């Protein structure tokens, strides 16, 4: 075999290898990335099996019927928070809602615990990746283990984006909760979403691989003092529950 024939043969072998590699590349499914802030209900249901369970008569009993006491001083604070914001809360943009209403409320609850190394993270990045899809993006509010960085998320709050449909926070929150359940290797997680003055609390349960169910609570109108006291108690309950979980893990 001449040198020219050897070169031609090597070229032919190389050409076939390149074609094989191209063929392999074509068979690799493309992984779609979904942003928490943009994912829709249809997109969420296209990658996981998830369904709302309306048999929710008792699922929220322990959480929303907790016996935590709101002190007189705290009730005065909550009433002042309502008085300062109720006339404008429906017109608030997201940052307005955060600064004027949510931040004072969260500060009052004191999510930060140096002793147990938990705190709230705002606009923090979370990523959950599978061989079929990726959930990724910044989350509005995440109560997590860790002080300088989030180590293990336990609770999420998704806030309403002005100008979107009121149902938009639901798939965004659910995608975040699914990510946390999988990353934590757990089976259940709590969360909440806010649409203007209204709050709804959510429980998500993992049923199997990429299969979930969720429950949505009754609506709490935060401009009603009794409902805001309920929101306050519910958030305090979550904080206390997470502290107990972290202590057991440690």
C-alpha atoms as a PDB file:
ATOM      1  CA  UNK A   1       0.000   0.000   0.000  1.00  0.00           C
ATOM      2  CA  UNK A   2       1.403   3.319  -1.034  1.00  0.00           C
ATOM      3  CA  UNK A   3       1.656   6.328   1.281  1.00  0.00           C
ATOM      4  CA  UNK A   4      -1.156   7.982  -0.628  1.00  0.00           C
ATOM      5  CA  UNK A   5      -3.396   4.958  -0.160  1.00  0.00           C
ATOM      6  CA  UNK A   6      -2.592   4.897   3.545  1.00  0.00           C
ATOM      7  CA  UNK A   7      -3.538   8.550   3.899  1.00  0.00           C
ATOM      8  CA  UNK A   8      -6.802   8.030   2.002  1.00  0.00           C
ATOM      9  CA  UNK A   9      -7.667   5.027   4.161  1.00  0.00           C
ATOM     10  CA  UNK A  10      -6.959   6.941   7.363  1.00  0.00           C
ATOM     11  CA  UNK A  11      -9.083   9.802   6.097  1.00  0.00           C
ATOM     12  CA  UNK A  12     -11.949   7.419   5.371  1.00  0.00           C
ATOM     13  CA  UNK A  13     -11.710   5.907   8.860  1.00  0.00           C
ATOM     14  CA  UNK A  14     -11.655   9.398  10.365  1.00  0.00           C
ATOM     15  CA  UNK A  15     -14.668  10.423   8.277  1.00  0.00           C
ATOM     16  CA  UNK A  16     -16.672   7.426   9.516  1.00  0.00           C
ATOM     17  CA  UNK A  17     -15.741   8.167  13.122  1.00  0.00           C
ATOM     18  CA  UNK A  18     -16.904  11.763  12.733  1.00  0.00           C
ATOM     19  CA  UNK A  19     -20.194  10.581  11.234  1.00  0.00           C
ATOM     20  CA  UNK A  20     -20.690   8.171  14.113  1.00  0.00           C
ATOM     21  CA  UNK A  21     -20.045  10.939  16.616  1.00  0.00           C
ATOM     22  CA  UNK A  22     -22.549  13.172  14.847  1.00  0.00           C
ATOM     23  CA  UNK A  23     -25.083  10.364  14.923  1.00  0.00           C
ATOM     24  CA  UNK A  24     -24.565   9.889  18.647  1.00  0.00           C
ATOM     25  CA  UNK A  25     -24.978  13.614  19.214  1.00  0.00           C
ATOM     26  CA  UNK A  26     -28.284  13.581  17.375  1.00  0.00           C
ATOM     27  CA  UNK A  27     -29.609  10.835  19.643  1.00  0.00           C
ATOM     28  CA  UNK A  28     -28.785  12.737  22.859  1.00  0.00           C
ATOM     29  CA  UNK A  29     -31.984  14.491  23.987  1.00  0.00           C
ATOM     30  CA  UNK A  30     -31.698  18.201  24.585  1.00  0.00           C
ATOM     31  CA  UNK A  31     -32.113  19.194  28.235  1.00  0.00           C
ATOM     32  CA  UNK A  32     -34.447  22.153  28.677  1.00  0.00           C
ATOM     33  CA  UNK A  33     -33.804  24.713  31.396  1.00  0.00           C
ATOM     34  CA  UNK A  34     -36.777  26.324  33.120  1.00  0.00           C
ATOM     35  CA  UNK A  35     -36.423  29.538  35.120  1.00  0.00           C
ATOM     36  CA  UNK A  36     -38.320  29.699  38.417  1.00  0.00           C
ATOM     37  CA  UNK A  37     -39.489  33.220  37.624  1.00  0.00           C
ATOM     38  CA  UNK A  38     -40.906  32.270  34.216  1.00  0.00           C
ATOM     39  CA  UNK A  39     -42.095  28.667  34.371  1.00  0.00           C
ATOM     40  CA  UNK A  40     -45.781  28.139  33.577  1.00  0.00           C
ATOM     41  CA  UNK A  41     -48.185  25.481  34.771  1.00  0.00           C
ATOM     42  CA  UNK A  42     -48.127  23.758  31.362  1.00  0.00           C
ATOM     43  CA  UNK A  43     -44.320  23.695  31.314  1.00  0.00           C
ATOM     44  CA  UNK A  44     -44.175  22.277  34.838  1.00  0.00           C
ATOM     45  CA  UNK A  45     -46.646  19.537  33.972  1.00  0.00           C
ATOM     46  CA  UNK A  46     -44.699  18.686  30.806  1.00  0.00           C
ATOM     47  CA  UNK A  47     -41.688  17.495  32.844  1.00  0.00           C
ATOM     48  CA  UNK A  48     -43.233  16.134  36.065  1.00  0.00           C
ATOM     49  CA  UNK A  49     -46.505  14.584  37.136  1.00  0.00           C
ATOM     50  CA  UNK A  50     -48.066  17.013  39.578  1.00  0.00           C
ATOM     51  CA  UNK A  51     -51.639  17.496  40.674  1.00  0.00           C
ATOM     52  CA  UNK A  52     -53.481  19.523  43.280  1.00  0.00           C
ATOM     53  CA  UNK A  53     -55.194  17.394  45.912  1.00  0.00           C
ATOM     54  CA  UNK A  54     -58.449  19.036  46.978  1.00  0.00           C
ATOM     55  CA  UNK A  55     -58.988  16.619  49.869  1.00  0.00           C
ATOM     56  CA  UNK A  56     -57.371  19.135  52.209  1.00  0.00           C
ATOM     57  CA  UNK A  57     -59.715  19.141  55.199  1.00  0.00           C
ATOM     58  CA  UNK A  58     -57.060  17.942  57.663  1.00  0.00           C
ATOM     59  CA  UNK A  59     -53.686  18.346  55.935  1.00  0.00           C
ATOM     60  CA  UNK A  60     -53.245  21.902  57.273  1.00  0.00           C
ATOM     61  CA  UNK A  61     -54.600  21.260  60.791  1.00  0.00           C
ATOM     62  CA  UNK A  62     -51.277  21.096  62.633  1.00  0.00           C
ATOM     63  CA  UNK A  63     -49.824  24.046  60.756  1.00  0.00           C
ATOM     64  CA  UNK A  64     -52.638  26.565  60.380  1.00  0.00           C
ATOM     65  CA  UNK A  65     -54.469  25.707  63.595  1.00  0.00           C
ATOM     66  CA  UNK A  66     -51.373  26.010  65.750  1.00  0.00           C
ATOM     67  CA  UNK A  67     -51.751  27.394  69.269  1.00  0.00           C
ATOM     68  CA  UNK A  68     -48.933  29.944  69.151  1.00  0.00           C
ATOM     69  CA  UNK A  69     -49.812  33.118  71.055  1.00  0.00           C
ATOM     70  CA  UNK A  70     -49.543  36.587  69.512  1.00  0.00           C
ATOM     71  CA  UNK A  71     -48.539  39.044  72.202  1.00  0.00           C
ATOM     72  CA  UNK A  72     -50.305  42.372  72.678  1.00  0.00           C
ATOM     73  CA  UNK A  73     -47.161  44.208  71.575  1.00  0.00           C
ATOM     74  CA  UNK A  74     -46.998  42.134  68.376  1.00  0.00           C
ATOM     75  CA  UNK A  75     -50.685  42.690  67.645  1.00  0.00           C
ATOM     76  CA  UNK A  76     -50.178  46.446  67.916  1.00  0.00           C
ATOM     77  CA  UNK A  77     -47.245  46.163  65.501  1.00  0.00           C
ATOM     78  CA  UNK A  78     -49.333  44.154  63.016  1.00  0.00           C
ATOM     79  CA  UNK A  79     -52.220  46.620  63.198  1.00  0.00           C
ATOM     80  CA  UNK A  80     -49.841  49.509  62.513  1.00  0.00           C
ATOM     81  CA  UNK A  81     -48.415  47.581  59.563  1.00  0.00           C
ATOM     82  CA  UNK A  82     -51.931  47.246  58.144  1.00  0.00           C
ATOM     83  CA  UNK A  83     -52.795  50.893  58.750  1.00  0.00           C
ATOM     84  CA  UNK A  84     -49.651  52.060  56.957  1.00  0.00           C
ATOM     85  CA  UNK A  85     -50.076  49.876  53.893  1.00  0.00           C
ATOM     86  CA  UNK A  86     -53.678  48.780  53.277  1.00  0.00           C
ATOM     87  CA  UNK A  87     -54.590  51.725  51.025  1.00  0.00           C
ATOM     88  CA  UNK A  88     -51.610  51.174  48.719  1.00  0.00           C
ATOM     89  CA  UNK A  89     -50.845  47.460  48.901  1.00  0.00           C
ATOM     90  CA  UNK A  90     -52.828  46.574  45.764  1.00  0.00           C
ATOM     91  CA  UNK A  91     -50.845  49.110  43.734  1.00  0.00           C
ATOM     92  CA  UNK A  92     -47.451  48.127  45.147  1.00  0.00           C
ATOM     93  CA  UNK A  93     -44.805  46.843  42.785  1.00  0.00           C
ATOM     94  CA  UNK A  94     -42.891  43.823  44.011  1.00  0.00           C
ATOM     95  CA  UNK A  95     -40.078  45.833  45.584  1.00  0.00           C
ATOM     96  CA  UNK A  96     -42.620  48.118  47.282  1.00  0.00           C
ATOM     97  CA  UNK A  97     -44.354  45.089  48.781  1.00  0.00           C
ATOM     98  CA  UNK A  98     -41.045  43.706  50.010  1.00  0.00           C
ATOM     99  CA  UNK A  99     -39.759  46.904  51.587  1.00  0.00           C
ATOM    100  CA  UNK A 100     -42.919  48.367  53.082  1.00  0.00           C
ATOM    101  CA  UNK A 101     -44.814  45.260  54.184  1.00  0.00           C
ATOM    102  CA  UNK A 102     -42.892  41.986  53.995  1.00  0.00           C
ATOM    103  CA  UNK A 103     -39.518  43.099  55.353  1.00  0.00           C
ATOM    104  CA  UNK A 104     -40.980  44.526  58.606  1.00  0.00           C
ATOM    105  CA  UNK A 105     -43.099  41.397  59.050  1.00  0.00           C
ATOM    106  CA  UNK A 106     -40.169  39.038  58.468  1.00  0.00           C
ATOM    107  CA  UNK A 107     -37.913  41.106  60.722  1.00  0.00           C
ATOM    108  CA  UNK A 108     -40.503  40.827  63.496  1.00  0.00           C
ATOM    109  CA  UNK A 109     -40.521  37.029  63.158  1.00  0.00           C
ATOM    110  CA  UNK A 110     -36.698  36.950  63.340  1.00  0.00           C
ATOM    111  CA  UNK A 111     -35.905  34.090  60.996  1.00  0.00           C
ATOM    112  CA  UNK A 112     -32.198  34.452  61.714  1.00  0.00           C
ATOM    113  CA  UNK A 113     -30.798  32.028  64.303  1.00  0.00           C
ATOM    114  CA  UNK A 114     -27.038  31.972  64.810  1.00  0.00           C
ATOM    115  CA  UNK A 115     -27.379  29.145  67.315  1.00  0.00           C
ATOM    116  CA  UNK A 116     -29.134  26.867  64.820  1.00  0.00           C
ATOM    117  CA  UNK A 117     -27.456  28.348  61.731  1.00  0.00           C
ATOM    118  CA  UNK A 118     -30.586  29.168  59.772  1.00  0.00           C
ATOM    119  CA  UNK A 119     -31.714  32.369  58.087  1.00  0.00           C
ATOM    120  CA  UNK A 120     -33.814  33.758  55.254  1.00  0.00           C
ATOM    121  CA  UNK A 121     -32.163  34.194  51.863  1.00  0.00           C
ATOM    122  CA  UNK A 122     -33.531  36.674  49.320  1.00  0.00           C
ATOM    123  CA  UNK A 123     -32.966  36.473  45.553  1.00  0.00           C
ATOM    124  CA  UNK A 124     -30.699  33.474  46.098  1.00  0.00           C
ATOM    125  CA  UNK A 125     -29.870  31.032  43.303  1.00  0.00           C
ATOM    126  CA  UNK A 126     -31.182  27.459  43.372  1.00  0.00           C
ATOM    127  CA  UNK A 127     -30.556  24.741  40.776  1.00  0.00           C
ATOM    128  CA  UNK A 128     -32.040  21.270  40.388  1.00  0.00           C
ATOM    129  CA  UNK A 129     -30.812  19.247  37.417  1.00  0.00           C
ATOM    130  CA  UNK A 130     -31.997  15.911  35.996  1.00  0.00           C
ATOM    131  CA  UNK A 131     -31.213  14.062  32.775  1.00  0.00           C
ATOM    132  CA  UNK A 132     -34.437  15.513  31.299  1.00  0.00           C
ATOM    133  CA  UNK A 133     -34.735  19.074  32.590  1.00  0.00           C
ATOM    134  CA  UNK A 134     -33.184  21.763  34.770  1.00  0.00           C
ATOM    135  CA  UNK A 135     -34.961  24.070  37.228  1.00  0.00           C
ATOM    136  CA  UNK A 136     -32.855  27.128  37.857  1.00  0.00           C
ATOM    137  CA  UNK A 137     -33.009  30.744  38.930  1.00  0.00           C
ATOM    138  CA  UNK A 138     -33.327  33.166  41.814  1.00  0.00           C
ATOM    139  CA  UNK A 139     -35.960  32.526  44.470  1.00  0.00           C
ATOM    140  CA  UNK A 140     -37.786  35.392  46.168  1.00  0.00           C
ATOM    141  CA  UNK A 141     -37.528  34.043  49.709  1.00  0.00           C
ATOM    142  CA  UNK A 142     -35.949  30.868  51.027  1.00  0.00           C
ATOM    143  CA  UNK A 143     -35.624  29.864  54.678  1.00  0.00           C
ATOM    144  CA  UNK A 144     -32.578  27.642  54.758  1.00  0.00           C
ATOM    145  CA  UNK A 145     -29.895  26.047  56.856  1.00  0.00           C
ATOM    146  CA  UNK A 146     -26.676  28.014  56.533  1.00  0.00           C
ATOM    147  CA  UNK A 147     -25.546  31.514  57.432  1.00  0.00           C
ATOM    148  CA  UNK A 148     -23.130  32.714  54.754  1.00  0.00           C
ATOM    149  CA  UNK A 149     -24.696  30.551  52.039  1.00  0.00           C
ATOM    150  CA  UNK A 150     -27.779  28.395  51.648  1.00  0.00           C
ATOM    151  CA  UNK A 151     -27.043  24.765  52.479  1.00  0.00           C
ATOM    152  CA  UNK A 152     -30.457  23.143  52.780  1.00  0.00           C
ATOM    153  CA  UNK A 153     -33.711  24.963  51.864  1.00  0.00           C
ATOM    154  CA  UNK A 154     -36.770  24.204  53.999  1.00  0.00           C
ATOM    155  CA  UNK A 155     -39.391  26.812  53.150  1.00  0.00           C
ATOM    156  CA  UNK A 156     -40.179  29.143  50.226  1.00  0.00           C
ATOM    157  CA  UNK A 157     -42.314  32.223  49.670  1.00  0.00           C
ATOM    158  CA  UNK A 158     -43.083  33.254  46.108  1.00  0.00           C
ATOM    159  CA  UNK A 159     -44.245  36.815  45.653  1.00  0.00           C
ATOM    160  CA  UNK A 160     -46.675  38.131  43.100  1.00  0.00           C
ATOM    161  CA  UNK A 161     -45.176  39.919  40.115  1.00  0.00           C
ATOM    162  CA  UNK A 162     -47.246  42.981  39.246  1.00  0.00           C
ATOM    163  CA  UNK A 163     -48.956  42.658  35.869  1.00  0.00           C
ATOM    164  CA  UNK A 164     -49.033  38.854  35.733  1.00  0.00           C
ATOM    165  CA  UNK A 165     -51.978  36.598  36.268  1.00  0.00           C
ATOM    166  CA  UNK A 166     -52.741  35.756  39.909  1.00  0.00           C
ATOM    167  CA  UNK A 167     -52.084  32.054  39.219  1.00  0.00           C
ATOM    168  CA  UNK A 168     -48.497  32.654  38.070  1.00  0.00           C
ATOM    169  CA  UNK A 169     -46.862  32.309  41.511  1.00  0.00           C
ATOM    170  CA  UNK A 170     -48.144  28.733  41.888  1.00  0.00           C
ATOM    171  CA  UNK A 171     -45.986  26.913  39.290  1.00  0.00           C
ATOM    172  CA  UNK A 172     -43.006  29.076  40.242  1.00  0.00           C
ATOM    173  CA  UNK A 173     -43.356  28.112  43.900  1.00  0.00           C
ATOM    174  CA  UNK A 174     -44.019  24.452  43.092  1.00  0.00           C
ATOM    175  CA  UNK A 175     -40.881  24.222  40.923  1.00  0.00           C
ATOM    176  CA  UNK A 176     -38.849  25.611  43.821  1.00  0.00           C
ATOM    177  CA  UNK A 177     -40.434  23.183  46.287  1.00  0.00           C
ATOM    178  CA  UNK A 178     -39.854  20.208  43.975  1.00  0.00           C
ATOM    179  CA  UNK A 179     -36.207  21.229  43.650  1.00  0.00           C
ATOM    180  CA  UNK A 180     -35.787  21.404  47.427  1.00  0.00           C
ATOM    181  CA  UNK A 181     -37.510  18.066  48.054  1.00  0.00           C
ATOM    182  CA  UNK A 182     -35.198  16.360  45.556  1.00  0.00           C
ATOM    183  CA  UNK A 183     -32.026  18.116  46.690  1.00  0.00           C
ATOM    184  CA  UNK A 184     -32.850  17.390  50.348  1.00  0.00           C
ATOM    185  CA  UNK A 185     -33.888  13.809  49.543  1.00  0.00           C
ATOM    186  CA  UNK A 186     -37.088  14.378  51.516  1.00  0.00           C
ATOM    187  CA  UNK A 187     -40.753  13.722  50.761  1.00  0.00           C
ATOM    188  CA  UNK A 188     -42.569  16.868  51.891  1.00  0.00           C
ATOM    189  CA  UNK A 189     -42.036  20.622  52.159  1.00  0.00           C
ATOM    190  CA  UNK A 190     -44.013  23.739  53.014  1.00  0.00           C
ATOM    191  CA  UNK A 191     -44.286  27.052  51.190  1.00  0.00           C
ATOM    192  CA  UNK A 192     -46.480  30.065  50.484  1.00  0.00           C
ATOM    193  CA  UNK A 193     -47.310  32.413  47.647  1.00  0.00           C
ATOM    194  CA  UNK A 194     -48.461  36.014  47.830  1.00  0.00           C
ATOM    195  CA  UNK A 195     -50.709  37.849  45.385  1.00  0.00           C
ATOM    196  CA  UNK A 196     -50.897  41.434  46.543  1.00  0.00           C
ATOM    197  CA  UNK A 197     -52.601  41.417  49.950  1.00  0.00           C
ATOM    198  CA  UNK A 198     -53.532  37.713  49.809  1.00  0.00           C
ATOM    199  CA  UNK A 199     -51.505  34.786  51.127  1.00  0.00           C
ATOM    200  CA  UNK A 200     -51.952  31.068  50.441  1.00  0.00           C
ATOM    201  CA  UNK A 201     -49.953  28.373  52.171  1.00  0.00           C
ATOM    202  CA  UNK A 202     -48.875  25.233  50.324  1.00  0.00           C
ATOM    203  CA  UNK A 203     -47.797  21.703  51.211  1.00  0.00           C
ATOM    204  CA  UNK A 204     -46.069  19.588  48.561  1.00  0.00           C
ATOM    205  CA  UNK A 205     -45.604  15.819  48.855  1.00  0.00           C
ATOM    206  CA  UNK A 206     -43.478  13.519  46.715  1.00  0.00           C
ATOM    207  CA  UNK A 207     -45.377  10.386  45.653  1.00  0.00           C
ATOM    208  CA  UNK A 208     -42.756   8.740  43.422  1.00  0.00           C
ATOM    209  CA  UNK A 209     -40.161   9.505  40.775  1.00  0.00           C
ATOM    210  CA  UNK A 210     -41.100  12.861  39.223  1.00  0.00           C
ATOM    211  CA  UNK A 211     -44.575  12.501  40.735  1.00  0.00           C
ATOM    212  CA  UNK A 212     -46.036  14.940  43.268  1.00  0.00           C
ATOM    213  CA  UNK A 213     -49.219  16.254  44.830  1.00  0.00           C
ATOM    214  CA  UNK A 214     -49.837  19.573  46.519  1.00  0.00           C
ATOM    215  CA  UNK A 215     -52.398  21.227  48.751  1.00  0.00           C
ATOM    216  CA  UNK A 216     -53.332  24.919  48.839  1.00  0.00           C
ATOM    217  CA  UNK A 217     -54.772  26.496  51.966  1.00  0.00           C
ATOM    218  CA  UNK A 218     -57.603  28.955  52.278  1.00  0.00           C
ATOM    219  CA  UNK A 219     -56.686  32.559  51.516  1.00  0.00           C
ATOM    220  CA  UNK A 220     -55.410  34.867  54.253  1.00  0.00           C
ATOM    221  CA  UNK A 221     -56.013  38.562  53.555  1.00  0.00           C
ATOM    222  CA  UNK A 222     -53.103  40.363  55.173  1.00  0.00           C
ATOM    223  CA  UNK A 223     -55.031  43.640  55.575  1.00  0.00           C
ATOM    224  CA  UNK A 224     -57.378  41.930  58.064  1.00  0.00           C
ATOM    225  CA  UNK A 225     -55.841  41.928  61.550  1.00  0.00           C
ATOM    226  CA  UNK A 226     -57.104  38.436  62.448  1.00  0.00           C
ATOM    227  CA  UNK A 227     -55.823  37.015  59.162  1.00  0.00           C
ATOM    228  CA  UNK A 228     -52.476  38.788  59.536  1.00  0.00           C
ATOM    229  CA  UNK A 229     -52.152  37.369  63.042  1.00  0.00           C
ATOM    230  CA  UNK A 230     -52.765  33.963  61.444  1.00  0.00           C
ATOM    231  CA  UNK A 231     -50.040  34.596  58.855  1.00  0.00           C
ATOM    232  CA  UNK A 232     -47.667  35.630  61.630  1.00  0.00           C
ATOM    233  CA  UNK A 233     -48.424  32.484  63.651  1.00  0.00           C
ATOM    234  CA  UNK A 234     -48.066  30.258  60.575  1.00  0.00           C
ATOM    235  CA  UNK A 235     -44.639  31.684  59.754  1.00  0.00           C
ATOM    236  CA  UNK A 236     -43.509  31.388  63.378  1.00  0.00           C
ATOM    237  CA  UNK A 237     -44.679  27.764  63.351  1.00  0.00           C
ATOM    238  CA  UNK A 238     -42.538  27.073  60.274  1.00  0.00           C
ATOM    239  CA  UNK A 239     -39.520  28.739  61.861  1.00  0.00           C
ATOM    240  CA  UNK A 240     -39.890  26.678  65.058  1.00  0.00           C
ATOM    241  CA  UNK A 241     -40.419  23.477  63.086  1.00  0.00           C
ATOM    242  CA  UNK A 242     -37.285  24.062  61.010  1.00  0.00           C
ATOM    243  CA  UNK A 243     -35.229  24.773  64.130  1.00  0.00           C
ATOM    244  CA  UNK A 244     -36.342  21.411  65.561  1.00  0.00           C
ATOM    245  CA  UNK A 245     -35.489  19.668  62.278  1.00  0.00           C
ATOM    246  CA  UNK A 246     -32.007  21.210  62.217  1.00  0.00           C
ATOM    247  CA  UNK A 247     -31.397  20.248  65.854  1.00  0.00           C
ATOM    248  CA  UNK A 248     -32.324  16.645  65.122  1.00  0.00           C
ATOM    249  CA  UNK A 249     -30.069  16.575  62.063  1.00  0.00           C
ATOM    250  CA  UNK A 250     -27.172  17.908  64.108  1.00  0.00           C
END
